[in-house]
Structures are given as structure tokens and as C-alpha cells.
All heavy atoms as atom14 arrays in JSON, in Angstrom:
{
  "sequence": "PPEPANTFLQEVLAGSGIFGTINLTPMLMFTP",
  "atom14_mask": [
    [1, 1, 1, 1, 1, 1, 1, 0, 0, 0, 0, 0, 0, 0],
    [1, 1, 1, 1, 1, 1, 1, 0, 0, 0, 0, 0, 0, 0],
    [1, 1, 1, 1, 1, 1, 1, 1, 1, 0, 0, 0, 0, 0],
    [1, 1, 1, 1, 1, 1, 1, 0, 0, 0, 0, 0, 0, 0],
    [1, 1, 1, 1, 1, 0, 0, 0, 0, 0, 0, 0, 0, 0],
    [1, 1, 1, 1, 1, 1, 1, 1, 0, 0, 0, 0, 0, 0],
    [1, 1, 1, 1, 1, 1, 1, 0, 0, 0, 0, 0, 0, 0],
    [1, 1, 1, 1, 1, 1, 1, 1, 1, 1, 1, 0, 0, 0],
    [1, 1, 1, 1, 1, 1, 1, 1, 0, 0, 0, 0, 0, 0],
    [1, 1, 1, 1, 1, 1, 1, 1, 1, 0, 0, 0, 0, 0],
    [1, 1, 1, 1, 1, 1, 1, 1, 1, 0, 0, 0, 0, 0],
    [1, 1, 1, 1, 1, 1, 1, 0, 0, 0, 0, 0, 0, 0],
    [1, 1, 1, 1, 1, 1, 1, 1, 0, 0, 0, 0, 0, 0],
    [1, 1, 1, 1, 1, 0, 0, 0, 0, 0, 0, 0, 0, 0],
    [1, 1, 1, 1, 0, 0, 0, 0, 0, 0, 0, 0, 0, 0],
    [1, 1, 1, 1, 1, 1, 0, 0, 0, 0, 0, 0, 0, 0],
    [1, 1, 1, 1, 0, 0, 0, 0, 0, 0, 0, 0, 0, 0],
    [1, 1, 1, 1, 1, 1, 1, 1, 0, 0, 0, 0, 0, 0],
    [1, 1, 1, 1, 1, 1, 1, 1, 1, 1, 1, 0, 0, 0],
    [1, 1, 1, 1, 0, 0, 0, 0, 0, 0, 0, 0, 0, 0],
    [1, 1, 1, 1, 1, 1, 1, 0, 0, 0, 0, 0, 0, 0],
    [1, 1, 1, 1, 1, 1, 1, 1, 0, 0, 0, 0, 0, 0],
    [1, 1, 1, 1, 1, 1, 1, 1, 0, 0, 0, 0, 0, 0],
    [1, 1, 1, 1, 1, 1, 1, 1, 0, 0, 0, 0, 0, 0],
    [1, 1, 1, 1, 1, 1, 1, 0, 0, 0, 0, 0, 0, 0],
    [1, 1, 1, 1, 1, 1, 1, 0, 0, 0, 0, 0, 0, 0],
    [1, 1, 1, 1, 1, 1, 1, 1, 0, 0, 0, 0, 0, 0],
    [1, 1, 1, 1, 1, 1, 1, 1, 0, 0, 0, 0, 0, 0],
    [1, 1, 1, 1, 1, 1, 1, 1, 0, 0, 0, 0, 0, 0],
    [1, 1, 1, 1, 1, 1, 1, 1, 1, 1, 1, 0, 0, 0],
    [1, 1, 1, 1, 1, 1, 1, 0, 0, 0, 0, 0, 0, 0],
    [1, 1, 1, 1, 1, 1, 1, 0, 0, 0, 0, 0, 0, 0]
  ],
  "atom14_positions": [
    [[-14.68, 2.08, -31.88], [-14.48, 2.68, -30.62], [-15.86, 3.27, -30.04], [-16.83, 3.45, -30.65], [-13.62, 3.95, -30.91], [-13.93, 4.24, -32.48], [-14.2, 2.87, -33.04], [0.0, 0.0, 0.0], [0.0, 0.0, 0.0], [0.0, 0.0, 0.0], [0.0, 0.0, 0.0], [0.0, 0.0, 0.0], [0.0, 0.0, 0.0], [0.0, 0.0, 0.0]],
    [[-15.88, 3.34, -28.6], [-17.05, 3.76, -28.11], [-17.44, 5.25, -28.39], [-16.57, 5.97, -28.69], [-16.85, 3.64, -26.5], [-15.36, 3.72, -26.52], [-14.85, 3.08, -27.68], [0.0, 0.0, 0.0], [0.0, 0.0, 0.0], [0.0, 0.0, 0.0], [0.0, 0.0, 0.0], [0.0, 0.0, 0.0], [0.0, 0.0, 0.0], [0.0, 0.0, 0.0]],
    [[-18.69, 5.59, -28.37], [-19.09, 7.01, -28.65], [-18.57, 7.88, -27.51], [-18.38, 7.41, -26.35], [-20.64, 6.98, -28.63], [-21.29, 6.29, -29.78], [-20.89, 6.93, -31.21], [-20.76, 8.11, -31.22], [-20.9, 6.2, -32.12], [0.0, 0.0, 0.0], [0.0, 0.0, 0.0], [0.0, 0.0, 0.0], [0.0, 0.0, 0.0], [0.0, 0.0, 0.0]],
    [[-18.25, 9.1, -27.91], [-17.77, 10.06, -26.9], [-18.73, 10.22, -25.75], [-18.2, 10.41, -24.56], [-17.66, 11.34, -27.65], [-17.46, 11.0, -29.08], [-18.26, 9.75, -29.24], [0.0, 0.0, 0.0], [0.0, 0.0, 0.0], [0.0, 0.0, 0.0], [0.0, 0.0, 0.0], [0.0, 0.0, 0.0], [0.0, 0.0, 0.0], [0.0, 0.0, 0.0]],
    [[-20.03, 10.06, -25.96], [-20.97, 10.21, -24.84], [-21.12, 9.03, -24.0], [-21.71, 9.09, -22.91], [-22.35, 10.7, -25.39], [0.0, 0.0, 0.0], [0.0, 0.0, 0.0], [0.0, 0.0, 0.0], [0.0, 0.0, 0.0], [0.0, 0.0, 0.0], [0.0, 0.0, 0.0], [0.0, 0.0, 0.0], [0.0, 0.0, 0.0], [0.0, 0.0, 0.0]],
    [[-20.62, 7.87, -24.43], [-20.79, 6.63, -23.76], [-19.7, 6.49, -22.74], [-18.76, 5.66, -22.87], [-20.85, 5.48, -24.81], [-21.26, 4.18, -24.16], [-21.44, 4.05, -22.88], [-21.5, 3.2, -24.99], [0.0, 0.0, 0.0], [0.0, 0.0, 0.0], [0.0, 0.0, 0.0], [0.0, 0.0, 0.0], [0.0, 0.0, 0.0], [0.0, 0.0, 0.0]],
    [[-19.79, 7.26, -21.67], [-18.73, 7.24, -20.68], [-18.75, 5.85, -19.91], [-17.61, 5.52, -19.44], [-18.89, 8.39, -19.74], [-20.18, 8.24, -19.04], [-18.69, 9.74, -20.3], [0.0, 0.0, 0.0], [0.0, 0.0, 0.0], [0.0, 0.0, 0.0], [0.0, 0.0, 0.0], [0.0, 0.0, 0.0], [0.0, 0.0, 0.0], [0.0, 0.0, 0.0]],
    [[-19.84, 5.26, -19.85], [-19.93, 3.93, -19.16], [-19.0, 2.83, -19.86], [-18.2, 2.15, -19.17], [-21.38, 3.4, -19.06], [-21.51, 2.04, -18.39], [-21.3, 1.82, -17.1], [-21.65, 0.9, -19.3], [-21.4, 0.6, -16.51], [-21.75, -0.29, -18.68], [-21.66, -0.47, -17.34], [0.0, 0.0, 0.0], [0.0, 0.0, 0.0], [0.0, 0.0, 0.0]],
    [[-19.15, 2.79, -21.13], [-18.25, 1.84, -21.86], [-16.82, 2.19, -21.78], [-15.97, 1.3, -21.66], [-18.83, 1.73, -23.35], [-18.09, 0.73, -24.24], [-18.12, -0.6, -23.63], [-18.61, 0.76, -25.6], [0.0, 0.0, 0.0], [0.0, 0.0, 0.0], [0.0, 0.0, 0.0], [0.0, 0.0, 0.0], [0.0, 0.0, 0.0], [0.0, 0.0, 0.0]],
    [[-16.58, 3.52, -21.86], [-15.12, 3.82, -21.77], [-14.55, 3.54, -20.35], [-13.43, 3.06, -20.32], [-15.09, 5.4, -21.94], [-15.41, 5.88, -23.35], [-15.36, 7.41, -23.37], [-14.63, 8.11, -22.63], [-16.15, 8.04, -24.27], [0.0, 0.0, 0.0], [0.0, 0.0, 0.0], [0.0, 0.0, 0.0], [0.0, 0.0, 0.0], [0.0, 0.0, 0.0]],
    [[-15.43, 3.69, -19.36], [-14.86, 3.21, -18.07], [-14.75, 1.67, -17.95], [-13.82, 1.21, -17.24], [-15.8, 3.74, -16.97], [-15.88, 5.22, -16.79], [-16.91, 5.8, -15.83], [-17.64, 4.87, -15.26], [-16.97, 6.9, -15.67], [0.0, 0.0, 0.0], [0.0, 0.0, 0.0], [0.0, 0.0, 0.0], [0.0, 0.0, 0.0], [0.0, 0.0, 0.0]],
    [[-15.58, 0.94, -18.58], [-15.47, -0.41, -18.54], [-14.21, -0.92, -19.26], [-13.46, -1.86, -18.8], [-16.66, -1.14, -19.26], [-16.53, -2.7, -19.43], [-17.93, -0.9, -18.37], [0.0, 0.0, 0.0], [0.0, 0.0, 0.0], [0.0, 0.0, 0.0], [0.0, 0.0, 0.0], [0.0, 0.0, 0.0], [0.0, 0.0, 0.0], [0.0, 0.0, 0.0]],
    [[-13.88, -0.27, -20.43], [-12.72, -0.69, -21.11], [-11.33, -0.21, -20.52], [-10.29, -0.87, -20.62], [-12.82, -0.13, -22.59], [-13.93, -0.68, -23.44], [-13.93, 0.14, -24.79], [-13.59, -2.18, -23.69], [0.0, 0.0, 0.0], [0.0, 0.0, 0.0], [0.0, 0.0, 0.0], [0.0, 0.0, 0.0], [0.0, 0.0, 0.0], [0.0, 0.0, 0.0]],
    [[-11.5, 0.88, -19.73], [-10.26, 1.44, -19.22], [-9.51, 0.47, -18.27], [-10.17, -0.14, -17.39], [-10.63, 2.7, -18.34], [0.0, 0.0, 0.0], [0.0, 0.0, 0.0], [0.0, 0.0, 0.0], [0.0, 0.0, 0.0], [0.0, 0.0, 0.0], [0.0, 0.0, 0.0], [0.0, 0.0, 0.0], [0.0, 0.0, 0.0], [0.0, 0.0, 0.0]],
    [[-8.23, 0.3, -18.52], [-7.41, -0.65, -17.74], [-7.46, -1.98, -18.15], [-6.48, -2.71, -17.85], [0.0, 0.0, 0.0], [0.0, 0.0, 0.0], [0.0, 0.0, 0.0], [0.0, 0.0, 0.0], [0.0, 0.0, 0.0], [0.0, 0.0, 0.0], [0.0, 0.0, 0.0], [0.0, 0.0, 0.0], [0.0, 0.0, 0.0], [0.0, 0.0, 0.0]],
    [[-8.46, -2.47, -18.93], [-8.4, -3.82, -19.35], [-8.38, -3.83, -20.94], [-7.34, -4.36, -21.47], [-9.67, -4.53, -18.89], [-10.87, -3.88, -19.3], [0.0, 0.0, 0.0], [0.0, 0.0, 0.0], [0.0, 0.0, 0.0], [0.0, 0.0, 0.0], [0.0, 0.0, 0.0], [0.0, 0.0, 0.0], [0.0, 0.0, 0.0], [0.0, 0.0, 0.0]],
    [[-9.37, -3.28, -21.57], [-9.31, -3.3, -23.0], [-8.41, -2.2, -23.53], [-7.79, -2.36, -24.68], [0.0, 0.0, 0.0], [0.0, 0.0, 0.0], [0.0, 0.0, 0.0], [0.0, 0.0, 0.0], [0.0, 0.0, 0.0], [0.0, 0.0, 0.0], [0.0, 0.0, 0.0], [0.0, 0.0, 0.0], [0.0, 0.0, 0.0], [0.0, 0.0, 0.0]],
    [[-8.37, -1.07, -22.85], [-7.41, 0.07, -23.25], [-6.6, 0.49, -22.18], [-7.04, 0.42, -20.95], [-8.24, 1.29, -23.83], [-9.28, 1.76, -22.68], [-8.95, 0.97, -25.11], [-10.05, 2.96, -23.12], [0.0, 0.0, 0.0], [0.0, 0.0, 0.0], [0.0, 0.0, 0.0], [0.0, 0.0, 0.0], [0.0, 0.0, 0.0], [0.0, 0.0, 0.0]],
    [[-5.36, 0.85, -22.3], [-4.45, 1.15, -21.3], [-3.33, 1.95, -21.82], [-3.05, 2.07, -23.0], [-3.96, -0.18, -20.63], [-3.4, -1.15, -21.55], [-2.01, -1.05, -21.92], [-4.27, -2.15, -22.05], [-1.46, -2.01, -22.85], [-3.75, -3.08, -22.98], [-2.42, -3.0, -23.36], [0.0, 0.0, 0.0], [0.0, 0.0, 0.0], [0.0, 0.0, 0.0]],
    [[-2.56, 2.5, -20.89], [-1.29, 3.31, -21.29], [-0.01, 2.55, -21.09], [-0.04, 1.61, -20.2], [0.0, 0.0, 0.0], [0.0, 0.0, 0.0], [0.0, 0.0, 0.0], [0.0, 0.0, 0.0], [0.0, 0.0, 0.0], [0.0, 0.0, 0.0], [0.0, 0.0, 0.0], [0.0, 0.0, 0.0], [0.0, 0.0, 0.0], [0.0, 0.0, 0.0]],
    [[1.02, 2.72, -21.89], [2.23, 2.15, -21.67], [3.29, 3.23, -21.64], [3.03, 4.31, -22.19], [2.61, 1.15, -22.81], [2.7, 1.82, -24.11], [1.49, 0.07, -22.81], [0.0, 0.0, 0.0], [0.0, 0.0, 0.0], [0.0, 0.0, 0.0], [0.0, 0.0, 0.0], [0.0, 0.0, 0.0], [0.0, 0.0, 0.0], [0.0, 0.0, 0.0]],
    [[4.36, 2.91, -21.03], [5.54, 3.92, -20.93], [6.74, 3.16, -21.29], [6.82, 1.84, -20.99], [5.64, 4.66, -19.68], [5.81, 3.65, -18.48], [4.47, 5.57, -19.43], [6.01, 4.33, -17.14], [0.0, 0.0, 0.0], [0.0, 0.0, 0.0], [0.0, 0.0, 0.0], [0.0, 0.0, 0.0], [0.0, 0.0, 0.0], [0.0, 0.0, 0.0]],
    [[7.75, 3.82, -21.84], [9.11, 3.2, -22.14], [10.12, 3.77, -21.12], [10.19, 5.03, -21.01], [9.53, 3.45, -23.51], [8.66, 2.79, -24.56], [8.05, 1.79, -24.24], [8.76, 3.18, -25.8], [0.0, 0.0, 0.0], [0.0, 0.0, 0.0], [0.0, 0.0, 0.0], [0.0, 0.0, 0.0], [0.0, 0.0, 0.0], [0.0, 0.0, 0.0]],
    [[10.87, 2.88, -20.47], [11.88, 3.3, -19.57], [13.25, 2.9, -20.03], [13.45, 1.82, -20.67], [11.65, 2.61, -18.26], [10.23, 2.85, -17.54], [10.22, 2.21, -16.22], [10.01, 4.26, -17.33], [0.0, 0.0, 0.0], [0.0, 0.0, 0.0], [0.0, 0.0, 0.0], [0.0, 0.0, 0.0], [0.0, 0.0, 0.0], [0.0, 0.0, 0.0]],
    [[14.22, 3.74, -19.81], [15.61, 3.41, -20.07], [16.4, 3.29, -18.74], [16.51, 4.23, -18.08], [16.28, 4.44, -20.89], [15.61, 4.59, -22.21], [17.83, 4.17, -21.18], [0.0, 0.0, 0.0], [0.0, 0.0, 0.0], [0.0, 0.0, 0.0], [0.0, 0.0, 0.0], [0.0, 0.0, 0.0], [0.0, 0.0, 0.0], [0.0, 0.0, 0.0]],
    [[16.78, 2.02, -18.32], [17.49, 1.8, -17.11], [18.87, 2.49, -17.25], [19.6, 2.32, -18.19], [17.58, 0.33, -16.93], [16.52, -0.22, -17.82], [16.42, 0.74, -18.99], [0.0, 0.0, 0.0], [0.0, 0.0, 0.0], [0.0, 0.0, 0.0], [0.0, 0.0, 0.0], [0.0, 0.0, 0.0], [0.0, 0.0, 0.0], [0.0, 0.0, 0.0]],
    [[19.23, 3.24, -16.27], [20.53, 4.02, -16.11], [21.46, 3.42, -15.17], [22.7, 3.3, -15.42], [20.26, 5.46, -15.86], [19.38, 6.15, -16.96], [20.24, 6.25, -18.56], [18.93, 7.17, -19.56], [0.0, 0.0, 0.0], [0.0, 0.0, 0.0], [0.0, 0.0, 0.0], [0.0, 0.0, 0.0], [0.0, 0.0, 0.0], [0.0, 0.0, 0.0]],
    [[20.96, 3.08, -13.95], [21.75, 2.55, -12.85], [21.09, 1.4, -12.22], [19.85, 1.33, -12.25], [22.15, 3.64, -11.89], [23.08, 4.75, -12.38], [23.06, 5.84, -11.33], [24.45, 4.28, -12.61], [0.0, 0.0, 0.0], [0.0, 0.0, 0.0], [0.0, 0.0, 0.0], [0.0, 0.0, 0.0], [0.0, 0.0, 0.0], [0.0, 0.0, 0.0]],
    [[21.75, 0.6, -11.5], [21.15, -0.56, -10.66], [21.93, -0.62, -9.37], [22.96, -0.2, -9.29], [21.13, -1.8, -11.46], [22.54, -2.34, -11.82], [22.4, -3.89, -12.75], [21.73, -4.96, -11.41], [0.0, 0.0, 0.0], [0.0, 0.0, 0.0], [0.0, 0.0, 0.0], [0.0, 0.0, 0.0], [0.0, 0.0, 0.0], [0.0, 0.0, 0.0]],
    [[21.17, -1.17, -8.4], [21.74, -1.39, -7.12], [21.26, -2.77, -6.58], [20.12, -3.13, -6.61], [21.24, -0.31, -6.13], [21.34, -0.73, -4.7], [22.6, -0.74, -4.07], [20.24, -1.06, -3.86], [22.82, -1.0, -2.8], [20.44, -1.38, -2.61], [21.69, -1.33, -1.98], [0.0, 0.0, 0.0], [0.0, 0.0, 0.0], [0.0, 0.0, 0.0]],
    [[22.22, -3.61, -6.24], [22.0, -4.86, -5.81], [22.65, -5.03, -4.35], [23.86, -4.89, -4.17], [22.64, -5.92, -6.59], [22.09, -5.83, -7.98], [22.34, -7.38, -6.15], [0.0, 0.0, 0.0], [0.0, 0.0, 0.0], [0.0, 0.0, 0.0], [0.0, 0.0, 0.0], [0.0, 0.0, 0.0], [0.0, 0.0, 0.0], [0.0, 0.0, 0.0]],
    [[21.78, -5.2, -3.28], [22.33, -5.3, -1.9], [23.3, -6.54, -1.8], [23.21, -7.55, -2.56], [21.13, -5.47, -1.09], [19.93, -5.04, -1.91], [20.29, -5.26, -3.31], [0.0, 0.0, 0.0], [0.0, 0.0, 0.0], [0.0, 0.0, 0.0], [0.0, 0.0, 0.0], [0.0, 0.0, 0.0], [0.0, 0.0, 0.0], [0.0, 0.0, 0.0]]
  ]
}
């Protein structure tokens, strides 16, 4: 992992090399 002080590398990796994920549970749907 990048050093805590190496903010440049962290910004380079953000969104491409490292990213966040979320889990969703669909409850309802609507189809016109």
C-alpha cells in the first residue's frame, strides 16, 4: 500500500485501483 504521506499515489489509485462498493437489496420495481 502507499505510504500515508504519499497523497499523490493515493489520488492516482482512487477510483481505479481502489474503490468502494455497496450492496443493495431491491424491494420494489416499477415498469411503465
